[in-house]
Amino acid sequence: TQGYWGQPFIEALAERDVVTGYEDNTYRPEQPVDRDEFASILHNAFSQQPERQLSRGSVYKDVPEDYWAAPAIHEAYEMGFMQGYPGGEFRPNQSI
């Protein structure tokens, strides 16, 4: 959005492939960020050694292995950036 206050920050992060827009070529800066989207941002922004290791598959019962953000969610968990909720849920579509 031309003239939007956050445009320089968004463009800088987009140039580094930390954030991306939507498939319809919009960015939607005022839209809340869901937990799966935030995990994807963390995945793109950081590369560090894991603090914990997944033993197998998904640690969260509401994140199927073929879910679009599963690799980023697993990495955010292993690096210690994010954790789930009681009962083994990640709640990927919940806003942060």
Protein backbone atom coordinates (compact mmCIF):
# COMPACT_ATOMS: atom_id res chain seq x y z
CA THR A 1 0.00 0.00 0.00
CA GLN A 2 1.58 3.22 -1.17
CA GLY A 3 2.16 5.63 1.71
CA TYR A 4 1.42 3.05 4.42
CA TRP A 5 3.53 3.76 7.53
CA GLY A 6 4.95 0.22 7.64
CA GLN A 7 5.77 -0.02 3.94
CA PRO A 8 9.58 0.42 4.30
CA PHE A 9 9.72 -2.30 6.97
CA ILE A 10 7.51 -4.68 5.01
CA GLU A 11 9.56 -4.14 1.85
CA ALA A 12 12.84 -4.74 3.72
CA LEU A 13 11.52 -8.00 5.19
CA ALA A 14 10.07 -9.06 1.83
CA GLU A 15 13.44 -8.46 0.12
CA ARG A 16 14.97 -10.91 2.62
CA ASP A 17 12.12 -13.41 2.06
CA VAL A 18 11.10 -13.17 5.72
CA VAL A 19 7.53 -12.16 4.89
CA THR A 20 5.48 -12.82 1.79
CA GLY A 21 2.13 -11.69 0.59
CA TYR A 22 -0.91 -13.69 -0.33
CA GLU A 23 -1.58 -15.58 -3.55
CA ASP A 24 -3.69 -12.69 -4.85
CA ASN A 25 -0.60 -10.39 -4.67
CA THR A 26 -1.84 -8.50 -1.60
CA TYR A 27 -0.06 -8.07 1.72
CA ARG A 28 -2.89 -7.07 4.10
CA PRO A 29 -0.82 -5.34 6.79
CA GLU A 30 -3.78 -4.71 9.10
CA GLN A 31 -4.89 -8.36 9.18
CA PRO A 32 -4.07 -10.31 12.36
CA VAL A 33 -1.25 -12.87 12.07
CA ASP A 34 -2.18 -16.48 12.83
CA ARG A 35 0.13 -18.83 14.69
CA ASP A 36 0.93 -20.84 11.55
CA GLU A 37 1.86 -17.64 9.68
CA PHE A 38 4.04 -16.50 12.57
CA ALA A 39 5.82 -19.87 12.61
CA SER A 40 6.51 -19.40 8.90
CA ILE A 41 7.95 -15.92 9.55
CA LEU A 42 10.20 -17.33 12.29
CA HIS A 43 11.30 -20.12 9.96
CA ASN A 44 12.27 -17.57 7.30
CA ALA A 45 13.94 -15.12 9.70
CA PHE A 46 16.06 -17.34 11.94
CA SER A 47 18.44 -20.21 11.62
CA GLN A 48 19.75 -21.56 14.89
CA GLN A 49 20.48 -24.83 16.58
CA PRO A 50 17.45 -26.69 17.96
CA GLU A 51 16.85 -26.62 21.70
CA ARG A 52 14.67 -29.73 21.57
CA GLN A 53 14.11 -32.47 19.04
CA LEU A 54 10.91 -33.99 17.70
CA SER A 55 10.99 -37.72 18.23
CA ARG A 56 8.74 -38.47 15.25
CA GLY A 57 6.02 -36.89 13.17
CA SER A 58 4.15 -33.89 14.49
CA VAL A 59 4.21 -32.96 18.12
CA TYR A 60 0.76 -31.41 17.70
CA LYS A 61 -2.37 -33.43 17.02
CA ASP A 62 -3.99 -30.54 15.10
CA VAL A 63 -1.07 -30.13 12.65
CA PRO A 64 -1.10 -32.89 10.02
CA GLU A 65 2.22 -33.81 8.41
CA ASP A 66 1.03 -32.47 5.04
CA TYR A 67 -0.17 -29.12 6.46
CA TRP A 68 1.41 -26.20 4.56
CA ALA A 69 3.09 -24.76 7.68
CA ALA A 70 4.02 -28.07 9.37
CA PRO A 71 7.78 -27.77 8.67
CA ALA A 72 7.86 -24.18 9.98
CA ILE A 73 5.77 -25.11 13.05
CA HIS A 74 8.07 -28.04 13.82
CA GLU A 75 11.15 -25.84 13.45
CA ALA A 76 9.68 -23.06 15.62
CA TYR A 77 9.00 -25.70 18.29
CA GLU A 78 12.46 -27.26 18.03
CA MET A 79 14.21 -23.87 18.20
CA GLY A 80 12.21 -23.00 21.31
CA PHE A 81 10.37 -20.01 19.77
CA MET A 82 6.86 -21.45 20.07
CA GLN A 83 4.99 -24.09 21.98
CA GLY A 84 1.52 -25.51 21.96
CA TYR A 85 -1.40 -25.65 24.31
CA PRO A 86 -2.44 -28.29 26.83
CA GLY A 87 -3.82 -31.38 25.17
CA GLY A 88 -1.22 -31.44 22.41
CA GLU A 89 -2.73 -28.69 20.25
CA PHE A 90 -0.90 -25.94 18.38
CA ARG A 91 -4.03 -24.09 17.20
CA PRO A 92 -2.42 -22.97 13.93
CA ASN A 93 -5.31 -20.71 12.86
CA GLN A 94 -5.51 -18.80 16.13
CA SER A 95 -4.38 -15.16 15.92
CA ILE A 96 -1.32 -14.12 17.85
